[in-house]
Amino acid sequence: MAIVVDKEQKRKDIALASKDLFLVKRFESVTISEIAKAASVGKGTLYEYFKNKEEIVFELVELLLQDYTIRLENQLSSQESVRDKVKKFGEFFYAPQNEELRKLYKDFTALSLSAPTEELQLFQTACFNNFYIWFERLFREGVAKGELIEESLALTKGIFVTSKGMFVSSCTTTVFEMIESDLNQYIDSIFNMIEVKK
């Protein structure tokens, strides 16, 4: 009797088996042979599921983002104010539980800047849009509840991108040595201007 393989699960298993490789080494230096060995499959089998290394890491990042999204949804639901929810969003850039995802994010950012491909750009854009739409919705809800002024909606993309920029700067300079306090101070300063005064 033939063994039935769940192809979707097999893709996930291969991607997850490669996680430690991508966390220890830079993306460019990880080989297909190493991934196949980590996943306990032959290279030929690996190519039945993925056409290249990029597809494997995209699958891995998507799986890790799914877990992160569930955690973040639970954390956001326990926060009362939009200010606290935005700070919770910002924890991605410093909380210990997000370290693995941050490492992959840094590698992707470096790769996107040094060797951009259309495939990589589309993937980065999809990730950005997914989280930005969610982030913007927090502000829309805040305006609808009378917590934020209407003009705050024009600032959402700037706040979102600036937070990411502060993180990148904290990795490449000594300007933001205390990313948690610097980021929260920035968020507090913005919210002091956009919260409806009671």
C-alpha atoms as a PDB file:
ATOM      1  CA  MET A   1       0.000   0.000   0.000  1.00  0.00           C
ATOM      2  CA  ALA A   2       1.374   3.400  -1.012  1.00  0.00           C
ATOM      3  CA  ILE A   3       2.201   5.922   1.711  1.00  0.00           C
ATOM      4  CA  VAL A   4       0.129   9.078   1.391  1.00  0.00           C
ATOM      5  CA  VAL A   5       2.159  12.205   2.075  1.00  0.00           C
ATOM      6  CA  ASP A   6       0.503  15.407   3.216  1.00  0.00           C
ATOM      7  CA  LYS A   7       2.387  17.753   0.885  1.00  0.00           C
ATOM      8  CA  GLU A   8       1.444  20.899   2.765  1.00  0.00           C
ATOM      9  CA  GLN A   9       2.639  19.448   6.058  1.00  0.00           C
ATOM     10  CA  LYS A  10       5.826  18.175   4.407  1.00  0.00           C
ATOM     11  CA  ARG A  11       6.576  21.721   3.152  1.00  0.00           C
ATOM     12  CA  LYS A  12       6.105  23.037   6.685  1.00  0.00           C
ATOM     13  CA  ASP A  13       8.285  20.291   8.151  1.00  0.00           C
ATOM     14  CA  ILE A  14      11.119  21.026   5.705  1.00  0.00           C
ATOM     15  CA  ALA A  15      10.909  24.768   6.361  1.00  0.00           C
ATOM     16  CA  LEU A  16      10.847  24.333  10.151  1.00  0.00           C
ATOM     17  CA  ALA A  17      13.780  21.913   9.980  1.00  0.00           C
ATOM     18  CA  SER A  18      15.813  24.683   8.318  1.00  0.00           C
ATOM     19  CA  LYS A  19      15.118  27.217  11.079  1.00  0.00           C
ATOM     20  CA  ASP A  20      18.261  26.601  13.121  1.00  0.00           C
ATOM     21  CA  LEU A  21      20.414  26.881  10.002  1.00  0.00           C
ATOM     22  CA  PHE A  22      19.007  30.300   9.174  1.00  0.00           C
ATOM     23  CA  LEU A  23      19.297  31.453  12.780  1.00  0.00           C
ATOM     24  CA  VAL A  24      22.957  30.435  13.031  1.00  0.00           C
ATOM     25  CA  LYS A  25      24.177  31.325   9.536  1.00  0.00           C
ATOM     26  CA  ARG A  26      23.507  34.134   7.126  1.00  0.00           C
ATOM     27  CA  PHE A  27      20.886  33.405   4.472  1.00  0.00           C
ATOM     28  CA  GLU A  28      23.408  33.440   1.609  1.00  0.00           C
ATOM     29  CA  SER A  29      25.665  30.875   3.260  1.00  0.00           C
ATOM     30  CA  VAL A  30      22.969  28.241   3.924  1.00  0.00           C
ATOM     31  CA  THR A  31      22.987  25.594   1.185  1.00  0.00           C
ATOM     32  CA  ILE A  32      20.231  23.411  -0.194  1.00  0.00           C
ATOM     33  CA  SER A  33      22.286  20.369   0.814  1.00  0.00           C
ATOM     34  CA  GLU A  34      22.366  21.567   4.437  1.00  0.00           C
ATOM     35  CA  ILE A  35      18.611  22.156   4.412  1.00  0.00           C
ATOM     36  CA  ALA A  36      17.949  18.711   2.926  1.00  0.00           C
ATOM     37  CA  LYS A  37      20.165  17.118   5.587  1.00  0.00           C
ATOM     38  CA  ALA A  38      18.457  19.041   8.412  1.00  0.00           C
ATOM     39  CA  ALA A  39      15.055  17.971   7.073  1.00  0.00           C
ATOM     40  CA  SER A  40      16.201  14.349   6.589  1.00  0.00           C
ATOM     41  CA  VAL A  41      15.250  14.355   2.905  1.00  0.00           C
ATOM     42  CA  GLY A  42      17.243  14.062  -0.288  1.00  0.00           C
ATOM     43  CA  LYS A  43      17.912  17.120  -2.419  1.00  0.00           C
ATOM     44  CA  GLY A  44      15.648  15.705  -5.105  1.00  0.00           C
ATOM     45  CA  THR A  45      12.796  15.347  -2.630  1.00  0.00           C
ATOM     46  CA  LEU A  46      13.378  18.875  -1.379  1.00  0.00           C
ATOM     47  CA  TYR A  47      13.029  20.197  -4.937  1.00  0.00           C
ATOM     48  CA  GLU A  48       9.649  18.447  -5.209  1.00  0.00           C
ATOM     49  CA  TYR A  49       8.404  20.901  -2.561  1.00  0.00           C
ATOM     50  CA  PHE A  50      10.449  24.054  -3.162  1.00  0.00           C
ATOM     51  CA  LYS A  51      12.042  25.464  -6.289  1.00  0.00           C
ATOM     52  CA  ASN A  52      14.787  27.324  -4.405  1.00  0.00           C
ATOM     53  CA  LYS A  53      16.161  28.362  -1.032  1.00  0.00           C
ATOM     54  CA  GLU A  54      14.139  31.594  -1.065  1.00  0.00           C
ATOM     55  CA  GLU A  55      10.876  29.646  -1.153  1.00  0.00           C
ATOM     56  CA  ILE A  56      11.988  27.641   1.872  1.00  0.00           C
ATOM     57  CA  VAL A  57      12.812  30.701   3.933  1.00  0.00           C
ATOM     58  CA  PHE A  58       9.581  32.424   2.839  1.00  0.00           C
ATOM     59  CA  GLU A  59       7.652  29.389   4.092  1.00  0.00           C
ATOM     60  CA  LEU A  60       9.630  29.451   7.347  1.00  0.00           C
ATOM     61  CA  VAL A  61       8.995  33.142   7.926  1.00  0.00           C
ATOM     62  CA  GLU A  62       5.286  32.719   7.169  1.00  0.00           C
ATOM     63  CA  LEU A  63       5.040  29.901   9.723  1.00  0.00           C
ATOM     64  CA  LEU A  64       6.844  31.940  12.377  1.00  0.00           C
ATOM     65  CA  LEU A  65       4.696  34.985  11.566  1.00  0.00           C
ATOM     66  CA  GLN A  66       1.530  32.910  12.008  1.00  0.00           C
ATOM     67  CA  ASP A  67       2.628  31.996  15.529  1.00  0.00           C
ATOM     68  CA  TYR A  68       3.672  35.577  16.238  1.00  0.00           C
ATOM     69  CA  THR A  69       0.341  36.909  14.944  1.00  0.00           C
ATOM     70  CA  ILE A  70      -1.645  34.645  17.273  1.00  0.00           C
ATOM     71  CA  ARG A  71       0.489  35.749  20.247  1.00  0.00           C
ATOM     72  CA  LEU A  72       0.159  39.411  19.282  1.00  0.00           C
ATOM     73  CA  GLU A  73      -3.635  39.178  18.856  1.00  0.00           C
ATOM     74  CA  ASN A  74      -3.922  37.746  22.362  1.00  0.00           C
ATOM     75  CA  GLN A  75      -1.650  40.435  23.795  1.00  0.00           C
ATOM     76  CA  LEU A  76      -3.491  43.260  22.022  1.00  0.00           C
ATOM     77  CA  SER A  77      -6.859  42.052  23.266  1.00  0.00           C
ATOM     78  CA  SER A  78      -5.672  42.526  26.849  1.00  0.00           C
ATOM     79  CA  GLN A  79      -4.698  46.171  26.272  1.00  0.00           C
ATOM     80  CA  GLU A  80      -7.207  48.954  26.914  1.00  0.00           C
ATOM     81  CA  SER A  81      -5.854  52.003  25.069  1.00  0.00           C
ATOM     82  CA  VAL A  82      -4.534  52.440  21.544  1.00  0.00           C
ATOM     83  CA  ARG A  83      -1.317  53.804  23.078  1.00  0.00           C
ATOM     84  CA  ASP A  84      -0.799  50.528  24.961  1.00  0.00           C
ATOM     85  CA  LYS A  85      -1.649  48.491  21.864  1.00  0.00           C
ATOM     86  CA  VAL A  86       0.892  50.413  19.774  1.00  0.00           C
ATOM     87  CA  LYS A  87       3.509  49.846  22.476  1.00  0.00           C
ATOM     88  CA  LYS A  88       2.639  46.149  22.399  1.00  0.00           C
ATOM     89  CA  PHE A  89       3.171  46.202  18.617  1.00  0.00           C
ATOM     90  CA  GLY A  90       6.568  47.798  19.231  1.00  0.00           C
ATOM     91  CA  GLU A  91       7.666  44.948  21.488  1.00  0.00           C
ATOM     92  CA  PHE A  92       8.531  43.018  18.333  1.00  0.00           C
ATOM     93  CA  PHE A  93      11.719  45.075  18.208  1.00  0.00           C
ATOM     94  CA  TYR A  94      13.020  44.196  21.678  1.00  0.00           C
ATOM     95  CA  ALA A  95      11.029  41.476  23.510  1.00  0.00           C
ATOM     96  CA  PRO A  96      13.071  38.274  24.073  1.00  0.00           C
ATOM     97  CA  GLN A  97      10.271  36.018  22.776  1.00  0.00           C
ATOM     98  CA  ASN A  98      10.580  37.646  19.326  1.00  0.00           C
ATOM     99  CA  GLU A  99      14.342  37.191  19.008  1.00  0.00           C
ATOM    100  CA  GLU A 100      14.246  34.465  16.352  1.00  0.00           C
ATOM    101  CA  LEU A 101      11.827  36.378  14.161  1.00  0.00           C
ATOM    102  CA  ARG A 102      13.905  39.561  14.586  1.00  0.00           C
ATOM    103  CA  LYS A 103      17.026  37.706  13.421  1.00  0.00           C
ATOM    104  CA  LEU A 104      15.258  36.591  10.252  1.00  0.00           C
ATOM    105  CA  TYR A 105      13.828  40.093   9.798  1.00  0.00           C
ATOM    106  CA  LYS A 106      17.330  41.598   9.996  1.00  0.00           C
ATOM    107  CA  ASP A 107      18.679  39.078   7.477  1.00  0.00           C
ATOM    108  CA  PHE A 108      15.777  39.752   5.125  1.00  0.00           C
ATOM    109  CA  THR A 109      16.266  43.484   5.429  1.00  0.00           C
ATOM    110  CA  ALA A 110      19.986  43.167   4.698  1.00  0.00           C
ATOM    111  CA  LEU A 111      19.295  40.894   1.740  1.00  0.00           C
ATOM    112  CA  SER A 112      16.582  43.208   0.428  1.00  0.00           C
ATOM    113  CA  LEU A 113      19.004  46.123   0.472  1.00  0.00           C
ATOM    114  CA  SER A 114      22.086  44.321  -0.849  1.00  0.00           C
ATOM    115  CA  ALA A 115      20.623  41.886  -3.384  1.00  0.00           C
ATOM    116  CA  PRO A 116      16.994  42.781  -4.069  1.00  0.00           C
ATOM    117  CA  THR A 117      14.933  40.464  -6.240  1.00  0.00           C
ATOM    118  CA  GLU A 118      11.358  40.854  -7.372  1.00  0.00           C
ATOM    119  CA  GLU A 119      10.372  37.759  -5.382  1.00  0.00           C
ATOM    120  CA  LEU A 120      11.954  39.158  -2.217  1.00  0.00           C
ATOM    121  CA  GLN A 121      10.399  42.576  -2.741  1.00  0.00           C
ATOM    122  CA  LEU A 122       6.927  41.069  -3.209  1.00  0.00           C
ATOM    123  CA  PHE A 123       7.337  38.976  -0.062  1.00  0.00           C
ATOM    124  CA  GLN A 124       8.557  41.965   1.985  1.00  0.00           C
ATOM    125  CA  THR A 125       5.680  44.080   0.643  1.00  0.00           C
ATOM    126  CA  ALA A 126       3.112  41.441   1.615  1.00  0.00           C
ATOM    127  CA  CYS A 127       4.558  41.212   5.147  1.00  0.00           C
ATOM    128  CA  PHE A 128       4.635  45.000   5.478  1.00  0.00           C
ATOM    129  CA  ASN A 129       1.054  45.377   4.254  1.00  0.00           C
ATOM    130  CA  ASN A 130      -0.315  42.657   6.535  1.00  0.00           C
ATOM    131  CA  PHE A 131       1.077  44.302   9.649  1.00  0.00           C
ATOM    132  CA  TYR A 132       0.548  47.884   8.531  1.00  0.00           C
ATOM    133  CA  ILE A 133      -3.157  47.300   7.787  1.00  0.00           C
ATOM    134  CA  TRP A 134      -3.522  45.809  11.270  1.00  0.00           C
ATOM    135  CA  PHE A 135      -1.598  48.726  12.815  1.00  0.00           C
ATOM    136  CA  GLU A 136      -3.697  51.309  10.966  1.00  0.00           C
ATOM    137  CA  ARG A 137      -6.890  49.590  12.130  1.00  0.00           C
ATOM    138  CA  LEU A 138      -5.853  50.242  15.743  1.00  0.00           C
ATOM    139  CA  PHE A 139      -5.808  53.973  15.007  1.00  0.00           C
ATOM    140  CA  ARG A 140      -9.139  53.855  13.153  1.00  0.00           C
ATOM    141  CA  GLU A 141     -10.708  52.124  16.139  1.00  0.00           C
ATOM    142  CA  GLY A 142      -9.172  54.765  18.420  1.00  0.00           C
ATOM    143  CA  VAL A 143     -10.713  57.564  16.350  1.00  0.00           C
ATOM    144  CA  ALA A 144     -14.089  55.782  16.257  1.00  0.00           C
ATOM    145  CA  LYS A 145     -14.053  55.430  20.072  1.00  0.00           C
ATOM    146  CA  GLY A 146     -13.165  59.099  20.509  1.00  0.00           C
ATOM    147  CA  GLU A 147      -9.775  58.203  21.957  1.00  0.00           C
ATOM    148  CA  LEU A 148      -7.688  59.754  19.141  1.00  0.00           C
ATOM    149  CA  ILE A 149      -8.086  62.875  17.040  1.00  0.00           C
ATOM    150  CA  GLU A 150      -9.017  62.340  13.380  1.00  0.00           C
ATOM    151  CA  GLU A 151      -5.662  63.731  12.186  1.00  0.00           C
ATOM    152  CA  SER A 152      -3.876  60.816  13.843  1.00  0.00           C
ATOM    153  CA  LEU A 153      -4.806  58.652  10.858  1.00  0.00           C
ATOM    154  CA  ALA A 154      -2.391  60.645   8.687  1.00  0.00           C
ATOM    155  CA  LEU A 155       0.461  59.648  11.027  1.00  0.00           C
ATOM    156  CA  THR A 156       0.012  55.875  11.067  1.00  0.00           C
ATOM    157  CA  LYS A 157       2.408  55.004   8.256  1.00  0.00           C
ATOM    158  CA  GLY A 158       5.032  57.389   9.621  1.00  0.00           C
ATOM    159  CA  ILE A 159       4.803  55.920  13.128  1.00  0.00           C
ATOM    160  CA  PHE A 160       4.929  52.380  11.738  1.00  0.00           C
ATOM    161  CA  VAL A 161       7.946  53.038   9.522  1.00  0.00           C
ATOM    162  CA  THR A 162       9.776  55.145  12.109  1.00  0.00           C
ATOM    163  CA  SER A 163       9.505  52.316  14.641  1.00  0.00           C
ATOM    164  CA  LYS A 164      11.073  49.931  12.137  1.00  0.00           C
ATOM    165  CA  GLY A 165      13.733  52.515  11.325  1.00  0.00           C
ATOM    166  CA  MET A 166      14.613  52.939  14.995  1.00  0.00           C
ATOM    167  CA  PHE A 167      15.106  49.187  15.235  1.00  0.00           C
ATOM    168  CA  VAL A 168      17.349  49.075  12.150  1.00  0.00           C
ATOM    169  CA  SER A 169      19.347  52.012  13.542  1.00  0.00           C
ATOM    170  CA  SER A 170      19.682  50.221  16.888  1.00  0.00           C
ATOM    171  CA  CYS A 171      21.283  47.300  15.022  1.00  0.00           C
ATOM    172  CA  THR A 172      23.704  49.398  12.971  1.00  0.00           C
ATOM    173  CA  THR A 173      24.618  52.366  15.202  1.00  0.00           C
ATOM    174  CA  THR A 174      24.942  53.353  18.842  1.00  0.00           C
ATOM    175  CA  VAL A 175      22.211  55.993  18.504  1.00  0.00           C
ATOM    176  CA  PHE A 176      19.446  53.782  19.934  1.00  0.00           C
ATOM    177  CA  GLU A 177      21.239  51.716  22.552  1.00  0.00           C
ATOM    178  CA  MET A 178      18.064  51.321  24.625  1.00  0.00           C
ATOM    179  CA  ILE A 179      15.529  50.523  21.896  1.00  0.00           C
ATOM    180  CA  GLU A 180      12.743  49.677  24.360  1.00  0.00           C
ATOM    181  CA  SER A 181      12.875  52.988  26.234  1.00  0.00           C
ATOM    182  CA  ASP A 182      13.632  55.034  23.097  1.00  0.00           C
ATOM    183  CA  LEU A 183      10.727  53.512  21.190  1.00  0.00           C
ATOM    184  CA  ASN A 184       8.269  53.834  24.080  1.00  0.00           C
ATOM    185  CA  GLN A 185       9.327  57.441  24.666  1.00  0.00           C
ATOM    186  CA  TYR A 186       8.705  58.171  20.971  1.00  0.00           C
ATOM    187  CA  ILE A 187       5.261  56.525  21.115  1.00  0.00           C
ATOM    188  CA  ASP A 188       4.360  58.432  24.287  1.00  0.00           C
ATOM    189  CA  SER A 189       5.400  61.737  22.683  1.00  0.00           C
ATOM    190  CA  ILE A 190       3.233  61.079  19.619  1.00  0.00           C
ATOM    191  CA  PHE A 191       0.248  59.990  21.682  1.00  0.00           C
ATOM    192  CA  ASN A 192       0.512  63.055  23.906  1.00  0.00           C
ATOM    193  CA  MET A 193      -0.279  65.026  20.744  1.00  0.00           C
ATOM    194  CA  ILE A 194      -2.962  62.842  19.174  1.00  0.00           C
ATOM    195  CA  GLU A 195      -5.028  61.602  22.120  1.00  0.00           C
ATOM    196  CA  VAL A 196      -8.288  63.425  22.712  1.00  0.00           C
ATOM    197  CA  LYS A 197      -7.902  65.565  25.815  1.00  0.00           C
ATOM    198  CA  LYS A 198     -10.477  64.745  28.468  1.00  0.00           C
END
